[in-house]
PDB file of all heavy atoms in Angstrom:
ATOM      1  N   VAL A   1     -27.130 -29.493 -74.632  1.00  0.00           N
ATOM      2  CA  VAL A   1     -26.785 -29.214 -73.237  1.00  0.00           C
ATOM      3  C   VAL A   1     -27.991 -29.486 -72.331  1.00  0.00           C
ATOM      4  O   VAL A   1     -27.853 -30.095 -71.272  1.00  0.00           O
ATOM      5  CB  VAL A   1     -26.253 -27.770 -73.072  1.00  0.00           C
ATOM      6  CG1 VAL A   1     -26.128 -27.402 -71.603  1.00  0.00           C
ATOM      7  CG2 VAL A   1     -24.905 -27.619 -73.770  1.00  0.00           C
ATOM      8  N   LEU A   2     -29.173 -29.077 -72.757  1.00  0.00           N
ATOM      9  CA  LEU A   2     -30.376 -29.351 -71.964  1.00  0.00           C
ATOM     10  C   LEU A   2     -30.647 -30.845 -71.847  1.00  0.00           C
ATOM     11  O   LEU A   2     -30.970 -31.345 -70.759  1.00  0.00           O
ATOM     12  CB  LEU A   2     -31.596 -28.667 -72.595  1.00  0.00           C
ATOM     13  CG  LEU A   2     -31.735 -27.178 -72.348  1.00  0.00           C
ATOM     14  CD1 LEU A   2     -32.911 -26.633 -73.147  1.00  0.00           C
ATOM     15  CD2 LEU A   2     -31.908 -26.873 -70.884  1.00  0.00           C
ATOM     16  N   ASP A   3     -30.506 -31.573 -72.939  1.00  0.00           N
ATOM     17  CA  ASP A   3     -30.746 -33.017 -72.918  1.00  0.00           C
ATOM     18  C   ASP A   3     -29.795 -33.726 -71.957  1.00  0.00           C
ATOM     19  O   ASP A   3     -30.206 -34.578 -71.162  1.00  0.00           O
ATOM     20  CB  ASP A   3     -30.601 -33.613 -74.316  1.00  0.00           C
ATOM     21  CG  ASP A   3     -31.733 -33.230 -75.249  1.00  0.00           C
ATOM     22  OD1 ASP A   3     -32.779 -32.752 -74.766  1.00  0.00           O
ATOM     23  OD2 ASP A   3     -31.570 -33.405 -76.476  1.00  0.00           O
ATOM     24  N   ILE A   4     -28.521 -33.374 -72.022  1.00  0.00           N
ATOM     25  CA  ILE A   4     -27.538 -34.021 -71.155  1.00  0.00           C
ATOM     26  C   ILE A   4     -27.759 -33.601 -69.702  1.00  0.00           C
ATOM     27  O   ILE A   4     -27.627 -34.429 -68.784  1.00  0.00           O
ATOM     28  CB  ILE A   4     -26.102 -33.730 -71.629  1.00  0.00           C
ATOM     29  CG1 ILE A   4     -25.891 -34.343 -73.021  1.00  0.00           C
ATOM     30  CG2 ILE A   4     -25.075 -34.285 -70.640  1.00  0.00           C
ATOM     31  CD1 ILE A   4     -24.600 -33.916 -73.705  1.00  0.00           C
ATOM     32  N   THR A   5     -28.134 -32.346 -69.474  1.00  0.00           N
ATOM     33  CA  THR A   5     -28.437 -31.891 -68.111  1.00  0.00           C
ATOM     34  C   THR A   5     -29.598 -32.697 -67.538  1.00  0.00           C
ATOM     35  O   THR A   5     -29.556 -33.127 -66.377  1.00  0.00           O
ATOM     36  CB  THR A   5     -28.760 -30.391 -68.086  1.00  0.00           C
ATOM     37  OG1 THR A   5     -27.653 -29.666 -68.614  1.00  0.00           O
ATOM     38  CG2 THR A   5     -29.067 -29.908 -66.674  1.00  0.00           C
ATOM     39  N   GLN A   6     -30.602 -32.936 -68.343  1.00  0.00           N
ATOM     40  CA  GLN A   6     -31.744 -33.735 -67.909  1.00  0.00           C
ATOM     41  C   GLN A   6     -31.294 -35.145 -67.517  1.00  0.00           C
ATOM     42  O   GLN A   6     -31.704 -35.677 -66.471  1.00  0.00           O
ATOM     43  CB  GLN A   6     -32.772 -33.797 -69.030  1.00  0.00           C
ATOM     44  CG  GLN A   6     -34.025 -34.540 -68.706  1.00  0.00           C
ATOM     45  CD  GLN A   6     -35.025 -34.479 -69.853  1.00  0.00           C
ATOM     46  OE1 GLN A   6     -34.717 -34.043 -70.958  1.00  0.00           O
ATOM     47  NE2 GLN A   6     -36.233 -34.912 -69.588  1.00  0.00           N
ATOM     48  N   GLU A   7     -30.439 -35.749 -68.321  1.00  0.00           N
ATOM     49  CA  GLU A   7     -29.919 -37.081 -68.008  1.00  0.00           C
ATOM     50  C   GLU A   7     -29.133 -37.069 -66.701  1.00  0.00           C
ATOM     51  O   GLU A   7     -29.262 -37.989 -65.872  1.00  0.00           O
ATOM     52  CB  GLU A   7     -29.024 -37.574 -69.139  1.00  0.00           C
ATOM     53  CG  GLU A   7     -29.774 -37.879 -70.414  1.00  0.00           C
ATOM     54  CD  GLU A   7     -28.859 -38.161 -71.598  1.00  0.00           C
ATOM     55  OE1 GLU A   7     -27.623 -38.273 -71.411  1.00  0.00           O
ATOM     56  OE2 GLU A   7     -29.371 -38.257 -72.722  1.00  0.00           O
ATOM     57  N   GLU A   8     -28.318 -36.034 -66.509  1.00  0.00           N
ATOM     58  CA  GLU A   8     -27.527 -35.949 -65.276  1.00  0.00           C
ATOM     59  C   GLU A   8     -28.420 -35.780 -64.052  1.00  0.00           C
ATOM     60  O   GLU A   8     -28.145 -36.349 -62.988  1.00  0.00           O
ATOM     61  CB  GLU A   8     -26.502 -34.824 -65.357  1.00  0.00           C
ATOM     62  CG  GLU A   8     -25.412 -35.033 -66.397  1.00  0.00           C
ATOM     63  CD  GLU A   8     -24.606 -36.309 -66.218  1.00  0.00           C
ATOM     64  OE1 GLU A   8     -24.557 -36.869 -65.095  1.00  0.00           O
ATOM     65  OE2 GLU A   8     -24.027 -36.770 -67.215  1.00  0.00           O
ATOM     66  N   CYS A   9     -29.512 -35.020 -64.192  1.00  0.00           N
ATOM     67  CA  CYS A   9     -30.459 -34.879 -63.079  1.00  0.00           C
ATOM     68  C   CYS A   9     -31.032 -36.241 -62.697  1.00  0.00           C
ATOM     69  O   CYS A   9     -31.146 -36.563 -61.503  1.00  0.00           O
ATOM     70  CB  CYS A   9     -31.586 -33.923 -63.456  1.00  0.00           C
ATOM     71  SG  CYS A   9     -31.098 -32.191 -63.524  1.00  0.00           S
ATOM     72  N   ALA A  10     -31.364 -37.036 -63.685  1.00  0.00           N
ATOM     73  CA  ALA A  10     -31.896 -38.373 -63.426  1.00  0.00           C
ATOM     74  C   ALA A  10     -30.855 -39.237 -62.715  1.00  0.00           C
ATOM     75  O   ALA A  10     -31.199 -40.011 -61.799  1.00  0.00           O
ATOM     76  CB  ALA A  10     -32.337 -39.030 -64.725  1.00  0.00           C
ATOM     77  N   GLU A  11     -29.598 -39.117 -63.099  1.00  0.00           N
ATOM     78  CA  GLU A  11     -28.543 -39.905 -62.467  1.00  0.00           C
ATOM     79  C   GLU A  11     -28.317 -39.476 -61.024  1.00  0.00           C
ATOM     80  O   GLU A  11     -28.037 -40.322 -60.159  1.00  0.00           O
ATOM     81  CB  GLU A  11     -27.269 -39.826 -63.298  1.00  0.00           C
ATOM     82  CG  GLU A  11     -27.406 -40.564 -64.624  1.00  0.00           C
ATOM     83  CD  GLU A  11     -26.227 -40.408 -65.555  1.00  0.00           C
ATOM     84  OE1 GLU A  11     -25.167 -39.895 -65.135  1.00  0.00           O
ATOM     85  OE2 GLU A  11     -26.364 -40.824 -66.720  1.00  0.00           O
ATOM     86  N   VAL A  12     -28.479 -38.190 -60.727  1.00  0.00           N
ATOM     87  CA  VAL A  12     -28.399 -37.721 -59.337  1.00  0.00           C
ATOM     88  C   VAL A  12     -29.546 -38.320 -58.533  1.00  0.00           C
ATOM     89  O   VAL A  12     -29.352 -38.775 -57.401  1.00  0.00           O
ATOM     90  CB  VAL A  12     -28.400 -36.175 -59.262  1.00  0.00           C
ATOM     91  CG1 VAL A  12     -28.617 -35.694 -57.832  1.00  0.00           C
ATOM     92  CG2 VAL A  12     -27.105 -35.606 -59.826  1.00  0.00           C
ATOM     93  N   ILE A  13     -30.729 -38.356 -59.116  1.00  0.00           N
ATOM     94  CA  ILE A  13     -31.882 -38.938 -58.434  1.00  0.00           C
ATOM     95  C   ILE A  13     -31.620 -40.399 -58.091  1.00  0.00           C
ATOM     96  O   ILE A  13     -31.892 -40.850 -56.970  1.00  0.00           O
ATOM     97  CB  ILE A  13     -33.152 -38.788 -59.289  1.00  0.00           C
ATOM     98  CG1 ILE A  13     -33.560 -37.310 -59.363  1.00  0.00           C
ATOM     99  CG2 ILE A  13     -34.297 -39.650 -58.754  1.00  0.00           C
ATOM    100  CD1 ILE A  13     -34.623 -37.003 -60.404  1.00  0.00           C
ATOM    101  N   VAL A  14     -31.088 -41.147 -59.026  1.00  0.00           N
ATOM    102  CA  VAL A  14     -30.790 -42.561 -58.779  1.00  0.00           C
ATOM    103  C   VAL A  14     -29.749 -42.704 -57.668  1.00  0.00           C
ATOM    104  O   VAL A  14     -29.894 -43.540 -56.765  1.00  0.00           O
ATOM    105  CB  VAL A  14     -30.322 -43.265 -60.071  1.00  0.00           C
ATOM    106  CG1 VAL A  14     -29.787 -44.659 -59.775  1.00  0.00           C
ATOM    107  CG2 VAL A  14     -31.460 -43.327 -61.079  1.00  0.00           C
ATOM    108  N   ALA A  15     -28.704 -41.886 -57.703  1.00  0.00           N
ATOM    109  CA  ALA A  15     -27.657 -41.960 -56.678  1.00  0.00           C
ATOM    110  C   ALA A  15     -28.232 -41.674 -55.290  1.00  0.00           C
ATOM    111  O   ALA A  15     -27.900 -42.361 -54.315  1.00  0.00           O
ATOM    112  CB  ALA A  15     -26.518 -40.987 -57.007  1.00  0.00           C
ATOM    113  N   ILE A  16     -29.105 -40.700 -55.189  1.00  0.00           N
ATOM    114  CA  ILE A  16     -29.743 -40.380 -53.910  1.00  0.00           C
ATOM    115  C   ILE A  16     -30.650 -41.522 -53.461  1.00  0.00           C
ATOM    116  O   ILE A  16     -30.675 -41.882 -52.281  1.00  0.00           O
ATOM    117  CB  ILE A  16     -30.508 -39.039 -54.005  1.00  0.00           C
ATOM    118  CG1 ILE A  16     -29.505 -37.896 -54.139  1.00  0.00           C
ATOM    119  CG2 ILE A  16     -31.425 -38.841 -52.794  1.00  0.00           C
ATOM    120  CD1 ILE A  16     -30.127 -36.558 -54.493  1.00  0.00           C
ATOM    121  N   SER A  17     -31.366 -42.116 -54.396  1.00  0.00           N
ATOM    122  CA  SER A  17     -32.227 -43.252 -54.075  1.00  0.00           C
ATOM    123  C   SER A  17     -31.420 -44.414 -53.508  1.00  0.00           C
ATOM    124  O   SER A  17     -31.841 -45.063 -52.534  1.00  0.00           O
ATOM    125  CB  SER A  17     -32.980 -43.696 -55.331  1.00  0.00           C
ATOM    126  OG  SER A  17     -33.757 -44.835 -55.064  1.00  0.00           O
ATOM    127  N   LYS A  18     -30.253 -44.678 -54.088  1.00  0.00           N
ATOM    128  CA  LYS A  18     -29.392 -45.762 -53.593  1.00  0.00           C
ATOM    129  C   LYS A  18     -28.928 -45.486 -52.168  1.00  0.00           C
ATOM    130  O   LYS A  18     -28.857 -46.394 -51.338  1.00  0.00           O
ATOM    131  CB  LYS A  18     -28.186 -45.962 -54.504  1.00  0.00           C
ATOM    132  CG  LYS A  18     -28.522 -46.369 -55.911  1.00  0.00           C
ATOM    133  CD  LYS A  18     -29.159 -47.733 -55.983  1.00  0.00           C
ATOM    134  CE  LYS A  18     -29.403 -48.110 -57.437  1.00  0.00           C
ATOM    135  NZ  LYS A  18     -30.166 -49.323 -57.588  1.00  0.00           N
ATOM    136  N   ILE A  19     -28.622 -44.232 -51.872  1.00  0.00           N
ATOM    137  CA  ILE A  19     -28.222 -43.868 -50.506  1.00  0.00           C
ATOM    138  C   ILE A  19     -29.385 -44.082 -49.542  1.00  0.00           C
ATOM    139  O   ILE A  19     -29.204 -44.647 -48.457  1.00  0.00           O
ATOM    140  CB  ILE A  19     -27.705 -42.416 -50.452  1.00  0.00           C
ATOM    141  CG1 ILE A  19     -26.355 -42.320 -51.171  1.00  0.00           C
ATOM    142  CG2 ILE A  19     -27.604 -41.925 -49.010  1.00  0.00           C
ATOM    143  CD1 ILE A  19     -25.862 -40.908 -51.395  1.00  0.00           C
ATOM    144  N   SER A  20     -30.571 -43.658 -49.949  1.00  0.00           N
ATOM    145  CA  SER A  20     -31.749 -43.835 -49.087  1.00  0.00           C
ATOM    146  C   SER A  20     -32.036 -45.303 -48.823  1.00  0.00           C
ATOM    147  O   SER A  20     -32.410 -45.686 -47.717  1.00  0.00           O
ATOM    148  CB  SER A  20     -32.977 -43.186 -49.731  1.00  0.00           C
ATOM    149  OG  SER A  20     -32.834 -41.796 -49.769  1.00  0.00           O
ATOM    150  N   ARG A  21     -31.845 -46.134 -49.828  1.00  0.00           N
ATOM    151  CA  ARG A  21     -32.158 -47.556 -49.699  1.00  0.00           C
ATOM    152  C   ARG A  21     -31.072 -48.353 -48.994  1.00  0.00           C
ATOM    153  O   ARG A  21     -31.365 -49.249 -48.207  1.00  0.00           O
ATOM    154  CB  ARG A  21     -32.414 -48.153 -51.077  1.00  0.00           C
ATOM    155  CG  ARG A  21     -33.700 -47.642 -51.711  1.00  0.00           C
ATOM    156  CD  ARG A  21     -33.934 -48.220 -53.081  1.00  0.00           C
ATOM    157  NE  ARG A  21     -34.115 -49.667 -52.992  1.00  0.00           N
ATOM    158  CZ  ARG A  21     -33.842 -50.506 -53.987  1.00  0.00           C
ATOM    159  NH1 ARG A  21     -33.349 -50.056 -55.125  1.00  0.00           N
ATOM    160  NH2 ARG A  21     -34.050 -51.792 -53.839  1.00  0.00           N
ATOM    161  N   PHE A  22     -29.804 -48.052 -49.300  1.00  0.00           N
ATOM    162  CA  PHE A  22     -28.722 -48.933 -48.870  1.00  0.00           C
ATOM    163  C   PHE A  22     -27.678 -48.291 -47.963  1.00  0.00           C
ATOM    164  O   PHE A  22     -26.810 -48.976 -47.447  1.00  0.00           O
ATOM    165  CB  PHE A  22     -28.017 -49.523 -50.101  1.00  0.00           C
ATOM    166  CG  PHE A  22     -28.951 -50.242 -51.023  1.00  0.00           C
ATOM    167  CD1 PHE A  22     -29.240 -49.736 -52.275  1.00  0.00           C
ATOM    168  CD2 PHE A  22     -29.564 -51.428 -50.629  1.00  0.00           C
ATOM    169  CE1 PHE A  22     -30.110 -50.398 -53.129  1.00  0.00           C
ATOM    170  CE2 PHE A  22     -30.434 -52.103 -51.474  1.00  0.00           C
ATOM    171  CZ  PHE A  22     -30.710 -51.587 -52.736  1.00  0.00           C
ATOM    172  N   GLY A  23     -27.739 -46.972 -47.792  1.00  0.00           N
ATOM    173  CA  GLY A  23     -26.776 -46.281 -46.943  1.00  0.00           C
ATOM    174  C   GLY A  23     -25.700 -45.570 -47.753  1.00  0.00           C
ATOM    175  O   GLY A  23     -25.356 -45.976 -48.858  1.00  0.00           O
ATOM    176  N   ILE A  24     -25.170 -44.525 -47.159  1.00  0.00           N
ATOM    177  CA  ILE A  24     -24.239 -43.659 -47.887  1.00  0.00           C
ATOM    178  C   ILE A  24     -22.890 -44.322 -48.145  1.00  0.00           C
ATOM    179  O   ILE A  24     -22.238 -44.054 -49.146  1.00  0.00           O
ATOM    180  CB  ILE A  24     -24.087 -42.301 -47.181  1.00  0.00           C
ATOM    181  CG1 ILE A  24     -23.450 -41.289 -48.133  1.00  0.00           C
ATOM    182  CG2 ILE A  24     -23.311 -42.438 -45.871  1.00  0.00           C
ATOM    183  CD1 ILE A  24     -23.688 -39.860 -47.788  1.00  0.00           C
ATOM    184  N   ASP A  25     -22.462 -45.193 -47.260  1.00  0.00           N
ATOM    185  CA  ASP A  25     -21.145 -45.810 -47.428  1.00  0.00           C
ATOM    186  C   ASP A  25     -21.209 -47.231 -47.982  1.00  0.00           C
ATOM    187  O   ASP A  25     -20.196 -47.929 -48.038  1.00  0.00           O
ATOM    188  CB  ASP A  25     -20.380 -45.773 -46.104  1.00  0.00           C
ATOM    189  CG  ASP A  25     -20.024 -44.345 -45.717  1.00  0.00           C
ATOM    190  OD1 ASP A  25     -19.565 -43.594 -46.594  1.00  0.00           O
ATOM    191  OD2 ASP A  25     -20.232 -43.981 -44.550  1.00  0.00           O
ATOM    192  N   ASN A  26     -22.397 -47.645 -48.405  1.00  0.00           N
ATOM    193  CA  ASN A  26     -22.554 -48.965 -48.998  1.00  0.00           C
ATOM    194  C   ASN A  26     -21.806 -49.063 -50.327  1.00  0.00           C
ATOM    195  O   ASN A  26     -21.753 -48.103 -51.094  1.00  0.00           O
ATOM    196  CB  ASN A  26     -24.040 -49.260 -49.231  1.00  0.00           C
ATOM    197  CG  ASN A  26     -24.282 -50.647 -49.773  1.00  0.00           C
ATOM    198  OD1 ASN A  26     -24.006 -51.626 -49.105  1.00  0.00           O
ATOM    199  ND2 ASN A  26     -24.795 -50.717 -50.984  1.00  0.00           N
ATOM    200  N   ILE A  27     -21.228 -50.225 -50.556  1.00  0.00           N
ATOM    201  CA  ILE A  27     -20.585 -50.502 -51.844  1.00  0.00           C
ATOM    202  C   ILE A  27     -21.307 -51.688 -52.463  1.00  0.00           C
ATOM    203  O   ILE A  27     -21.363 -52.767 -51.875  1.00  0.00           O
ATOM    204  CB  ILE A  27     -19.090 -50.852 -51.679  1.00  0.00           C
ATOM    205  CG1 ILE A  27     -18.341 -49.683 -51.051  1.00  0.00           C
ATOM    206  CG2 ILE A  27     -18.475 -51.224 -53.021  1.00  0.00           C
ATOM    207  CD1 ILE A  27     -16.892 -49.991 -50.729  1.00  0.00           C
ATOM    208  N   LYS A  28     -21.877 -51.477 -53.628  1.00  0.00           N
ATOM    209  CA  LYS A  28     -22.534 -52.557 -54.351  1.00  0.00           C
ATOM    210  C   LYS A  28     -21.458 -53.532 -54.829  1.00  0.00           C
ATOM    211  O   LYS A  28     -20.387 -53.107 -55.278  1.00  0.00           O
ATOM    212  CB  LYS A  28     -23.311 -51.977 -55.536  1.00  0.00           C
ATOM    213  CG  LYS A  28     -24.256 -52.935 -56.180  1.00  0.00           C
ATOM    214  CD  LYS A  28     -25.094 -52.219 -57.231  1.00  0.00           C
ATOM    215  CE  LYS A  28     -25.976 -53.215 -57.946  1.00  0.00           C
ATOM    216  NZ  LYS A  28     -26.757 -52.576 -58.991  1.00  0.00           N
ATOM    217  N   PRO A  29     -21.693 -54.836 -54.730  1.00  0.00           N
ATOM    218  CA  PRO A  29     -20.650 -55.816 -55.058  1.00  0.00           C
ATOM    219  C   PRO A  29     -19.966 -55.625 -56.411  1.00  0.00           C
ATOM    220  O   PRO A  29     -18.773 -55.825 -56.537  1.00  0.00           O
ATOM    221  CB  PRO A  29     -21.400 -57.151 -55.008  1.00  0.00           C
ATOM    222  CG  PRO A  29     -22.518 -56.910 -54.059  1.00  0.00           C
ATOM    223  CD  PRO A  29     -22.915 -55.467 -54.245  1.00  0.00           C
ATOM    224  N   ASP A  30     -20.685 -55.206 -57.415  1.00  0.00           N
ATOM    225  CA  ASP A  30     -20.082 -55.059 -58.746  1.00  0.00           C
ATOM    226  C   ASP A  30     -19.613 -53.638 -59.055  1.00  0.00           C
ATOM    227  O   ASP A  30     -19.266 -53.329 -60.185  1.00  0.00           O
ATOM    228  CB  ASP A  30     -21.047 -55.549 -59.828  1.00  0.00           C
ATOM    229  CG  ASP A  30     -22.337 -54.745 -59.855  1.00  0.00           C
ATOM    230  OD1 ASP A  30     -22.718 -54.178 -58.806  1.00  0.00           O
ATOM    231  OD2 ASP A  30     -22.973 -54.689 -60.918  1.00  0.00           O
ATOM    232  N   LYS A  31     -19.610 -52.769 -58.045  1.00  0.00           N
ATOM    233  CA  LYS A  31     -19.201 -51.370 -58.238  1.00  0.00           C
ATOM    234  C   LYS A  31     -18.000 -51.053 -57.356  1.00  0.00           C
ATOM    235  O   LYS A  31     -17.949 -51.473 -56.209  1.00  0.00           O
ATOM    236  CB  LYS A  31     -20.347 -50.416 -57.882  1.00  0.00           C
ATOM    237  CG  LYS A  31     -21.623 -50.640 -58.662  1.00  0.00           C
ATOM    238  CD  LYS A  31     -21.479 -50.200 -60.090  1.00  0.00           C
ATOM    239  CE  LYS A  31     -22.801 -50.410 -60.820  1.00  0.00           C
ATOM    240  NZ  LYS A  31     -22.753 -50.037 -62.189  1.00  0.00           N
ATOM    241  N   PRO A  32     -17.039 -50.278 -57.865  1.00  0.00           N
ATOM    242  CA  PRO A  32     -15.848 -49.977 -57.065  1.00  0.00           C
ATOM    243  C   PRO A  32     -16.007 -48.795 -56.107  1.00  0.00           C
ATOM    244  O   PRO A  32     -15.134 -48.538 -55.298  1.00  0.00           O
ATOM    245  CB  PRO A  32     -14.804 -49.653 -58.137  1.00  0.00           C
ATOM    246  CG  PRO A  32     -15.604 -49.070 -59.255  1.00  0.00           C
ATOM    247  CD  PRO A  32     -16.919 -49.832 -59.237  1.00  0.00           C
ATOM    248  N   LYS A  33     -17.132 -48.073 -56.196  1.00  0.00           N
ATOM    249  CA  LYS A  33     -17.299 -46.850 -55.405  1.00  0.00           C
ATOM    250  C   LYS A  33     -18.401 -47.005 -54.377  1.00  0.00           C
ATOM    251  O   LYS A  33     -19.360 -47.738 -54.577  1.00  0.00           O
ATOM    252  CB  LYS A  33     -17.647 -45.680 -56.335  1.00  0.00           C
ATOM    253  CG  LYS A  33     -16.559 -45.355 -57.324  1.00  0.00           C
ATOM    254  CD  LYS A  33     -16.990 -44.243 -58.233  1.00  0.00           C
ATOM    255  CE  LYS A  33     -15.888 -43.989 -59.254  1.00  0.00           C
ATOM    256  NZ  LYS A  33     -16.305 -43.084 -60.279  1.00  0.00           N
ATOM    257  N   THR A  34     -18.261 -46.234 -53.291  1.00  0.00           N
ATOM    258  CA  THR A  34     -19.350 -46.165 -52.320  1.00  0.00           C
ATOM    259  C   THR A  34     -20.474 -45.316 -52.912  1.00  0.00           C
ATOM    260  O   THR A  34     -20.276 -44.580 -53.897  1.00  0.00           O
ATOM    261  CB  THR A  34     -18.894 -45.508 -51.000  1.00  0.00           C
ATOM    262  OG1 THR A  34     -18.546 -44.142 -51.265  1.00  0.00           O
ATOM    263  CG2 THR A  34     -17.724 -46.246 -50.374  1.00  0.00           C
ATOM    264  N   ASN A  35     -21.634 -45.389 -52.306  1.00  0.00           N
ATOM    265  CA  ASN A  35     -22.747 -44.541 -52.741  1.00  0.00           C
ATOM    266  C   ASN A  35     -22.397 -43.064 -52.593  1.00  0.00           C
ATOM    267  O   ASN A  35     -22.806 -42.233 -53.405  1.00  0.00           O
ATOM    268  CB  ASN A  35     -24.009 -44.886 -51.963  1.00  0.00           C
ATOM    269  CG  ASN A  35     -24.586 -46.215 -52.377  1.00  0.00           C
ATOM    270  OD1 ASN A  35     -24.355 -46.702 -53.480  1.00  0.00           O
ATOM    271  ND2 ASN A  35     -25.347 -46.835 -51.481  1.00  0.00           N
ATOM    272  N   ARG A  36     -21.610 -42.732 -51.575  1.00  0.00           N
ATOM    273  CA  ARG A  36     -21.165 -41.350 -51.368  1.00  0.00           C
ATOM    274  C   ARG A  36     -20.300 -40.891 -52.546  1.00  0.00           C
ATOM    275  O   ARG A  36     -20.491 -39.797 -53.085  1.00  0.00           O
ATOM    276  CB  ARG A  36     -20.372 -41.250 -50.065  1.00  0.00           C
ATOM    277  CG  ARG A  36     -19.834 -39.865 -49.742  1.00  0.00           C
ATOM    278  CD  ARG A  36     -18.844 -39.905 -48.567  1.00  0.00           C
ATOM    279  NE  ARG A  36     -19.299 -40.697 -47.448  1.00  0.00           N
ATOM    280  CZ  ARG A  36     -19.954 -40.216 -46.396  1.00  0.00           C
ATOM    281  NH1 ARG A  36     -20.229 -38.931 -46.317  1.00  0.00           N
ATOM    282  NH2 ARG A  36     -20.324 -41.017 -45.409  1.00  0.00           N
ATOM    283  N   GLU A  37     -19.368 -41.732 -52.938  1.00  0.00           N
ATOM    284  CA  GLU A  37     -18.485 -41.387 -54.064  1.00  0.00           C
ATOM    285  C   GLU A  37     -19.266 -41.271 -55.363  1.00  0.00           C
ATOM    286  O   GLU A  37     -19.007 -40.383 -56.182  1.00  0.00           O
ATOM    287  CB  GLU A  37     -17.385 -42.443 -54.210  1.00  0.00           C
ATOM    288  CG  GLU A  37     -16.387 -42.433 -53.070  1.00  0.00           C
ATOM    289  CD  GLU A  37     -15.506 -43.661 -53.039  1.00  0.00           C
ATOM    290  OE1 GLU A  37     -15.947 -44.756 -53.438  1.00  0.00           O
ATOM    291  OE2 GLU A  37     -14.343 -43.511 -52.594  1.00  0.00           O
ATOM    292  N   HIS A  38     -20.237 -42.164 -55.522  1.00  0.00           N
ATOM    293  CA  HIS A  38     -21.061 -42.116 -56.735  1.00  0.00           C
ATOM    294  C   HIS A  38     -21.892 -40.827 -56.773  1.00  0.00           C
ATOM    295  O   HIS A  38     -22.012 -40.184 -57.815  1.00  0.00           O
ATOM    296  CB  HIS A  38     -21.956 -43.351 -56.808  1.00  0.00           C
ATOM    297  CG  HIS A  38     -22.741 -43.446 -58.062  1.00  0.00           C
ATOM    298  ND1 HIS A  38     -22.171 -43.638 -59.292  1.00  0.00           N
ATOM    299  CD2 HIS A  38     -24.071 -43.336 -58.278  1.00  0.00           C
ATOM    300  CE1 HIS A  38     -23.112 -43.653 -60.214  1.00  0.00           C
ATOM    301  NE2 HIS A  38     -24.273 -43.473 -59.627  1.00  0.00           N
ATOM    302  N   LEU A  39     -22.452 -40.446 -55.622  1.00  0.00           N
ATOM    303  CA  LEU A  39     -23.220 -39.189 -55.550  1.00  0.00           C
ATOM    304  C   LEU A  39     -22.328 -38.006 -55.893  1.00  0.00           C
ATOM    305  O   LEU A  39     -22.729 -37.126 -56.666  1.00  0.00           O
ATOM    306  CB  LEU A  39     -23.840 -39.012 -54.164  1.00  0.00           C
ATOM    307  CG  LEU A  39     -24.590 -37.701 -53.943  1.00  0.00           C
ATOM    308  CD1 LEU A  39     -25.777 -37.576 -54.891  1.00  0.00           C
ATOM    309  CD2 LEU A  39     -25.038 -37.590 -52.487  1.00  0.00           C
ATOM    310  N   ALA A  40     -21.135 -37.966 -55.336  1.00  0.00           N
ATOM    311  CA  ALA A  40     -20.214 -36.862 -55.628  1.00  0.00           C
ATOM    312  C   ALA A  40     -19.907 -36.789 -57.117  1.00  0.00           C
ATOM    313  O   ALA A  40     -19.866 -35.697 -57.708  1.00  0.00           O
ATOM    314  CB  ALA A  40     -18.929 -37.020 -54.819  1.00  0.00           C
ATOM    315  N   GLU A  41     -19.701 -37.940 -57.725  1.00  0.00           N
ATOM    316  CA  GLU A  41     -19.427 -37.979 -59.166  1.00  0.00           C
ATOM    317  C   GLU A  41     -20.605 -37.434 -59.972  1.00  0.00           C
ATOM    318  O   GLU A  41     -20.427 -36.615 -60.877  1.00  0.00           O
ATOM    319  CB  GLU A  41     -19.132 -39.412 -59.582  1.00  0.00           C
ATOM    320  CG  GLU A  41     -18.810 -39.584 -61.044  1.00  0.00           C
ATOM    321  CD  GLU A  41     -18.522 -41.041 -61.360  1.00  0.00           C
ATOM    322  OE1 GLU A  41     -17.462 -41.541 -60.940  1.00  0.00           O
ATOM    323  OE2 GLU A  41     -19.372 -41.673 -62.029  1.00  0.00           O
ATOM    324  N   GLU A  42     -21.790 -37.870 -59.620  1.00  0.00           N
ATOM    325  CA  GLU A  42     -22.975 -37.425 -60.364  1.00  0.00           C
ATOM    326  C   GLU A  42     -23.257 -35.940 -60.128  1.00  0.00           C
ATOM    327  O   GLU A  42     -23.650 -35.223 -61.055  1.00  0.00           O
ATOM    328  CB  GLU A  42     -24.199 -38.278 -59.991  1.00  0.00           C
ATOM    329  CG  GLU A  42     -24.082 -39.733 -60.372  1.00  0.00           C
ATOM    330  CD  GLU A  42     -23.834 -39.986 -61.849  1.00  0.00           C
ATOM    331  OE1 GLU A  42     -24.040 -39.088 -62.680  1.00  0.00           O
ATOM    332  OE2 GLU A  42     -23.424 -41.115 -62.179  1.00  0.00           O
ATOM    333  N   LEU A  43     -23.052 -35.461 -58.901  1.00  0.00           N
ATOM    334  CA  LEU A  43     -23.237 -34.029 -58.640  1.00  0.00           C
ATOM    335  C   LEU A  43     -22.199 -33.197 -59.400  1.00  0.00           C
ATOM    336  O   LEU A  43     -22.516 -32.116 -59.904  1.00  0.00           O
ATOM    337  CB  LEU A  43     -23.161 -33.745 -57.136  1.00  0.00           C
ATOM    338  CG  LEU A  43     -24.358 -34.222 -56.321  1.00  0.00           C
ATOM    339  CD1 LEU A  43     -24.069 -34.072 -54.833  1.00  0.00           C
ATOM    340  CD2 LEU A  43     -25.622 -33.477 -56.715  1.00  0.00           C
TER     341      LEU A  43
END
């Protein structure tokens, strides 16, 4: 549980970084979700 929690924390960090770099409603060409949706999923 601790190991997976650590991984999820890292994924939240990446999702936040993408929002900071590209905007909250940006959609990466190869991804079906906005950065906002991805953040919600990771949270």
